[in-house]
Amino acid sequence: MLAILGAVAIAVGSLTPGSEMPTNLPWDKFNHFIGYAGLAGLVGLAGLPLVRTFIAVVLYGICIEYLQIPVPGRSGGDWNDILANSLGAATAVLVLAGVRRFMLRT
């Protein structure tokens, strides 16, 4: 359930016209990295295998990027955003894999 709420929050934030966005947000790529790391973490914690988690979150990010194209004030389809999304998802998946490995050893 939290993963779905995370995905909805990303969609709302990503598909809001640029003129309605706050002007004091931190660096855009950092926002993408953190948002998709959080989403991948939630999806992974929900029980989806980590490889599938990574693939699903990256594909979701690509879809959102292309859905932004017609949104006023947004630059959808930005490959740098897709890269930041993917790096965030990969980081979360690697952290979860490390935690799972550690927990199995104890």
N, C-alpha and C. Protein backbone atom coordinates (compact mmCIF):
# COMPACT_ATOMS: atom_id res chain seq x y z
N MET A 1 0.82 -1.20 0.00
CA MET A 1 0.00 0.00 0.00
C MET A 1 0.87 1.26 0.00
N LEU A 2 1.94 1.26 0.81
CA LEU A 2 2.81 2.43 0.84
C LEU A 2 3.52 2.63 -0.50
N ALA A 3 3.84 1.52 -1.18
CA ALA A 3 4.48 1.63 -2.49
C ALA A 3 3.54 2.30 -3.49
N ILE A 4 2.27 1.97 -3.43
CA ILE A 4 1.29 2.59 -4.33
C ILE A 4 1.17 4.07 -4.01
N LEU A 5 1.13 4.43 -2.74
CA LEU A 5 1.07 5.84 -2.36
C LEU A 5 2.32 6.59 -2.83
N GLY A 6 3.48 5.93 -2.74
CA GLY A 6 4.72 6.54 -3.22
C GLY A 6 4.67 6.78 -4.72
N ALA A 7 4.16 5.80 -5.47
CA ALA A 7 4.04 5.94 -6.92
C ALA A 7 3.07 7.06 -7.28
N VAL A 8 1.98 7.16 -6.54
CA VAL A 8 1.01 8.24 -6.79
C VAL A 8 1.63 9.59 -6.47
N ALA A 9 2.36 9.69 -5.38
CA ALA A 9 3.01 10.95 -5.02
C ALA A 9 3.99 11.39 -6.10
N ILE A 10 4.77 10.44 -6.63
CA ILE A 10 5.70 10.77 -7.71
C ILE A 10 4.93 11.23 -8.94
N ALA A 11 3.85 10.54 -9.28
CA ALA A 11 3.06 10.92 -10.46
C ALA A 11 2.49 12.32 -10.31
N VAL A 12 1.93 12.61 -9.14
CA VAL A 12 1.34 13.94 -8.91
C VAL A 12 2.42 15.01 -9.02
N GLY A 13 3.54 14.79 -8.35
CA GLY A 13 4.62 15.77 -8.40
C GLY A 13 5.20 15.93 -9.79
N SER A 14 5.27 14.85 -10.52
CA SER A 14 5.88 14.88 -11.86
C SER A 14 4.95 15.44 -12.93
N LEU A 15 3.66 15.29 -12.74
CA LEU A 15 2.71 15.70 -13.76
C LEU A 15 2.02 17.03 -13.44
N THR A 16 2.46 17.69 -12.39
CA THR A 16 1.96 19.02 -12.07
C THR A 16 2.62 20.02 -13.00
N PRO A 17 1.84 20.94 -13.59
CA PRO A 17 2.45 21.94 -14.46
C PRO A 17 3.57 22.71 -13.74
N GLY A 18 4.59 23.07 -14.50
CA GLY A 18 5.75 23.75 -13.93
C GLY A 18 5.40 25.02 -13.19
N SER A 19 4.38 25.73 -13.64
CA SER A 19 4.00 26.99 -12.99
C SER A 19 3.41 26.78 -11.60
N GLU A 20 2.97 25.58 -11.30
CA GLU A 20 2.37 25.28 -10.00
C GLU A 20 3.35 24.62 -9.03
N MET A 21 4.59 24.43 -9.47
CA MET A 21 5.59 23.78 -8.63
C MET A 21 6.25 24.80 -7.70
N PRO A 22 6.65 24.37 -6.50
CA PRO A 22 7.39 25.27 -5.60
C PRO A 22 8.70 25.70 -6.25
N THR A 23 9.13 26.90 -5.99
CA THR A 23 10.36 27.40 -6.60
C THR A 23 11.59 27.11 -5.76
N ASN A 24 11.42 26.64 -4.55
CA ASN A 24 12.56 26.45 -3.66
C ASN A 24 12.93 24.98 -3.43
N LEU A 25 12.65 24.11 -4.39
CA LEU A 25 13.02 22.72 -4.26
C LEU A 25 14.52 22.55 -4.47
N PRO A 26 15.13 21.53 -3.83
CA PRO A 26 16.56 21.29 -4.07
C PRO A 26 16.81 20.87 -5.52
N TRP A 27 18.06 20.61 -5.82
CA TRP A 27 18.48 20.24 -7.17
C TRP A 27 17.58 19.16 -7.76
N ASP A 28 17.11 19.37 -8.97
CA ASP A 28 16.16 18.50 -9.65
C ASP A 28 16.61 17.05 -9.69
N LYS A 29 17.85 16.79 -10.04
CA LYS A 29 18.32 15.40 -10.16
C LYS A 29 18.36 14.72 -8.79
N PHE A 30 18.65 15.47 -7.75
CA PHE A 30 18.61 14.94 -6.39
C PHE A 30 17.18 14.51 -6.05
N ASN A 31 16.20 15.33 -6.43
CA ASN A 31 14.79 14.98 -6.18
C ASN A 31 14.44 13.67 -6.87
N HIS A 32 14.88 13.52 -8.11
CA HIS A 32 14.61 12.28 -8.85
C HIS A 32 15.27 11.10 -8.16
N PHE A 33 16.53 11.24 -7.79
CA PHE A 33 17.27 10.17 -7.14
C PHE A 33 16.56 9.73 -5.86
N ILE A 34 16.24 10.68 -5.00
CA ILE A 34 15.61 10.37 -3.71
C ILE A 34 14.20 9.78 -3.91
N GLY A 35 13.44 10.37 -4.80
CA GLY A 35 12.07 9.88 -5.04
C GLY A 35 12.05 8.43 -5.49
N TYR A 36 12.90 8.10 -6.45
CA TYR A 36 12.90 6.74 -6.99
C TYR A 36 13.64 5.76 -6.08
N ALA A 37 14.58 6.23 -5.28
CA ALA A 37 15.19 5.37 -4.26
C ALA A 37 14.11 5.00 -3.24
N GLY A 38 13.34 5.98 -2.84
CA GLY A 38 12.26 5.72 -1.88
C GLY A 38 11.22 4.77 -2.44
N LEU A 39 10.84 4.98 -3.71
CA LEU A 39 9.85 4.10 -4.33
C LEU A 39 10.39 2.67 -4.43
N ALA A 40 11.62 2.52 -4.88
CA ALA A 40 12.21 1.17 -4.99
C ALA A 40 12.32 0.52 -3.62
N GLY A 41 12.67 1.31 -2.61
CA GLY A 41 12.73 0.77 -1.26
C GLY A 41 11.39 0.25 -0.79
N LEU A 42 10.34 1.03 -1.04
CA LEU A 42 9.00 0.60 -0.63
C LEU A 42 8.54 -0.63 -1.40
N VAL A 43 8.81 -0.66 -2.70
CA VAL A 43 8.41 -1.81 -3.51
C VAL A 43 9.19 -3.05 -3.07
N GLY A 44 10.48 -2.89 -2.83
CA GLY A 44 11.29 -4.02 -2.37
C GLY A 44 10.85 -4.52 -1.02
N LEU A 45 10.52 -3.61 -0.13
CA LEU A 45 10.04 -4.01 1.20
C LEU A 45 8.67 -4.67 1.14
N ALA A 46 7.92 -4.36 0.08
CA ALA A 46 6.60 -4.98 -0.08
C ALA A 46 6.71 -6.44 -0.52
N GLY A 47 7.92 -6.86 -0.91
CA GLY A 47 8.12 -8.27 -1.21
C GLY A 47 8.42 -8.62 -2.65
N LEU A 48 8.39 -7.66 -3.56
CA LEU A 48 8.73 -7.96 -4.95
C LEU A 48 10.21 -8.30 -5.02
N PRO A 49 10.59 -9.35 -5.74
CA PRO A 49 12.03 -9.66 -5.87
C PRO A 49 12.80 -8.42 -6.35
N LEU A 50 14.03 -8.28 -5.89
CA LEU A 50 14.77 -7.04 -6.11
C LEU A 50 15.06 -6.75 -7.58
N VAL A 51 15.33 -7.77 -8.37
CA VAL A 51 15.55 -7.51 -9.81
C VAL A 51 14.27 -6.97 -10.43
N ARG A 52 13.15 -7.57 -10.10
CA ARG A 52 11.85 -7.09 -10.62
C ARG A 52 11.53 -5.70 -10.07
N THR A 53 11.89 -5.46 -8.83
CA THR A 53 11.70 -4.13 -8.24
C THR A 53 12.43 -3.09 -9.07
N PHE A 54 13.70 -3.35 -9.34
CA PHE A 54 14.49 -2.40 -10.12
C PHE A 54 13.87 -2.17 -11.49
N ILE A 55 13.53 -3.24 -12.19
CA ILE A 55 12.97 -3.12 -13.53
C ILE A 55 11.64 -2.35 -13.49
N ALA A 56 10.78 -2.70 -12.55
CA ALA A 56 9.47 -2.05 -12.47
C ALA A 56 9.60 -0.56 -12.18
N VAL A 57 10.47 -0.20 -11.26
CA VAL A 57 10.62 1.21 -10.88
C VAL A 57 11.26 2.01 -12.02
N VAL A 58 12.24 1.43 -12.70
CA VAL A 58 12.85 2.13 -13.83
C VAL A 58 11.83 2.32 -14.95
N LEU A 59 11.06 1.29 -15.26
CA LEU A 59 10.03 1.43 -16.30
C LEU A 59 8.98 2.46 -15.91
N TYR A 60 8.61 2.48 -14.63
CA TYR A 60 7.67 3.49 -14.15
C TYR A 60 8.24 4.89 -14.36
N GLY A 61 9.51 5.07 -14.02
CA GLY A 61 10.15 6.37 -14.20
C GLY A 61 10.19 6.80 -15.66
N ILE A 62 10.46 5.86 -16.55
CA ILE A 62 10.48 6.17 -17.98
C ILE A 62 9.08 6.58 -18.44
N CYS A 63 8.07 5.84 -18.00
CA CYS A 63 6.69 6.19 -18.36
C CYS A 63 6.31 7.59 -17.87
N ILE A 64 6.64 7.89 -16.63
CA ILE A 64 6.33 9.21 -16.08
C ILE A 64 7.04 10.29 -16.88
N GLU A 65 8.30 10.07 -17.23
CA GLU A 65 9.05 11.07 -18.01
C GLU A 65 8.35 11.37 -19.32
N TYR A 66 7.86 10.35 -19.99
CA TYR A 66 7.20 10.58 -21.27
C TYR A 66 5.78 11.11 -21.12
N LEU A 67 5.13 10.82 -19.99
CA LEU A 67 3.82 11.43 -19.73
C LEU A 67 3.95 12.93 -19.46
N GLN A 68 5.14 13.38 -19.06
CA GLN A 68 5.37 14.81 -18.80
C GLN A 68 5.43 15.65 -20.07
N ILE A 69 5.68 15.03 -21.19
CA ILE A 69 5.92 15.79 -22.42
C ILE A 69 4.82 16.82 -22.70
N PRO A 70 3.54 16.48 -22.61
CA PRO A 70 2.52 17.50 -22.89
C PRO A 70 2.22 18.44 -21.72
N VAL A 71 2.82 18.22 -20.56
CA VAL A 71 2.52 19.03 -19.38
C VAL A 71 3.23 20.39 -19.50
N PRO A 72 2.48 21.49 -19.42
CA PRO A 72 3.10 22.82 -19.55
C PRO A 72 4.19 23.06 -18.51
N GLY A 73 5.31 23.59 -18.96
CA GLY A 73 6.39 23.94 -18.06
C GLY A 73 7.24 22.76 -17.61
N ARG A 74 7.01 21.59 -18.19
CA ARG A 74 7.80 20.41 -17.83
C ARG A 74 8.57 19.96 -19.06
N SER A 75 9.72 19.36 -18.85
CA SER A 75 10.58 18.98 -19.98
C SER A 75 10.62 17.48 -20.18
N GLY A 76 9.50 16.82 -20.14
CA GLY A 76 9.43 15.36 -20.18
C GLY A 76 10.38 14.71 -21.16
N GLY A 77 10.66 13.45 -20.90
CA GLY A 77 11.55 12.67 -21.75
C GLY A 77 13.01 12.96 -21.54
N ASP A 78 13.37 13.56 -20.43
CA ASP A 78 14.75 13.95 -20.14
C ASP A 78 15.54 12.71 -19.70
N TRP A 79 16.54 12.33 -20.50
CA TRP A 79 17.33 11.14 -20.19
C TRP A 79 18.17 11.32 -18.93
N ASN A 80 18.51 12.54 -18.59
CA ASN A 80 19.24 12.77 -17.33
C ASN A 80 18.34 12.49 -16.13
N ASP A 81 17.06 12.83 -16.25
CA ASP A 81 16.10 12.49 -15.19
C ASP A 81 15.94 10.97 -15.08
N ILE A 82 15.85 10.31 -16.24
CA ILE A 82 15.72 8.85 -16.24
C ILE A 82 16.95 8.22 -15.60
N LEU A 83 18.12 8.76 -15.87
CA LEU A 83 19.35 8.25 -15.26
C LEU A 83 19.31 8.44 -13.74
N ALA A 84 18.91 9.63 -13.29
CA ALA A 84 18.82 9.88 -11.84
C ALA A 84 17.80 8.95 -11.19
N ASN A 85 16.66 8.73 -11.85
CA ASN A 85 15.65 7.79 -11.34
C ASN A 85 16.25 6.40 -11.20
N SER A 86 16.95 5.97 -12.24
CA SER A 86 17.52 4.62 -12.28
C SER A 86 18.61 4.45 -11.23
N LEU A 87 19.44 5.46 -11.05
CA LEU A 87 20.49 5.39 -10.03
C LEU A 87 19.88 5.33 -8.63
N GLY A 88 18.82 6.08 -8.40
CA GLY A 88 18.13 6.03 -7.11
C GLY A 88 17.55 4.65 -6.86
N ALA A 89 16.88 4.08 -7.88
CA ALA A 89 16.31 2.75 -7.74
C ALA A 89 17.40 1.71 -7.50
N ALA A 90 18.50 1.81 -8.23
CA ALA A 90 19.60 0.86 -8.07
C ALA A 90 20.20 0.95 -6.68
N THR A 91 20.36 2.14 -6.18
CA THR A 91 20.92 2.32 -4.84
C THR A 91 20.04 1.66 -3.79
N ALA A 92 18.74 1.90 -3.88
CA ALA A 92 17.82 1.30 -2.91
C ALA A 92 17.85 -0.22 -2.99
N VAL A 93 17.86 -0.76 -4.21
CA VAL A 93 17.88 -2.21 -4.38
C VAL A 93 19.18 -2.80 -3.82
N LEU A 94 20.30 -2.14 -4.05
CA LEU A 94 21.57 -2.63 -3.51
C LEU A 94 21.60 -2.57 -1.99
N VAL A 95 21.04 -1.51 -1.42
CA VAL A 95 20.97 -1.41 0.04
C VAL A 95 20.09 -2.53 0.60
N LEU A 96 18.93 -2.74 -0.02
CA LEU A 96 18.05 -3.81 0.45
C LEU A 96 18.72 -5.18 0.32
N ALA A 97 19.44 -5.41 -0.77
CA ALA A 97 20.14 -6.68 -0.95
C ALA A 97 21.18 -6.86 0.15
N GLY A 98 21.90 -5.80 0.47
CA GLY A 98 22.88 -5.87 1.55
C GLY A 98 22.24 -6.14 2.89
N VAL A 99 21.14 -5.49 3.17
CA VAL A 99 20.43 -5.71 4.44
C VAL A 99 19.93 -7.14 4.51
N ARG A 100 19.36 -7.63 3.42
CA ARG A 100 18.86 -9.01 3.42
C ARG A 100 19.99 -10.01 3.64
N ARG A 101 21.12 -9.78 2.98
CA ARG A 101 22.27 -10.67 3.14
C ARG A 101 22.76 -10.65 4.59
N PHE A 102 22.82 -9.47 5.18
CA PHE A 102 23.26 -9.33 6.56
C PHE A 102 22.29 -10.05 7.50
N MET A 103 21.01 -9.86 7.26
CA MET A 103 20.00 -10.47 8.15
C MET A 103 20.04 -12.01 8.05
N LEU A 104 20.36 -12.53 6.88
CA LEU A 104 20.44 -13.99 6.74
C LEU A 104 21.64 -14.58 7.45
N ARG A 105 22.70 -13.78 7.62
CA ARG A 105 23.91 -14.25 8.29
C ARG A 105 23.78 -14.27 9.79
N THR A 106 22.86 -13.48 10.32
CA THR A 106 22.75 -13.40 11.79
C THR A 106 21.75 -14.36 12.34
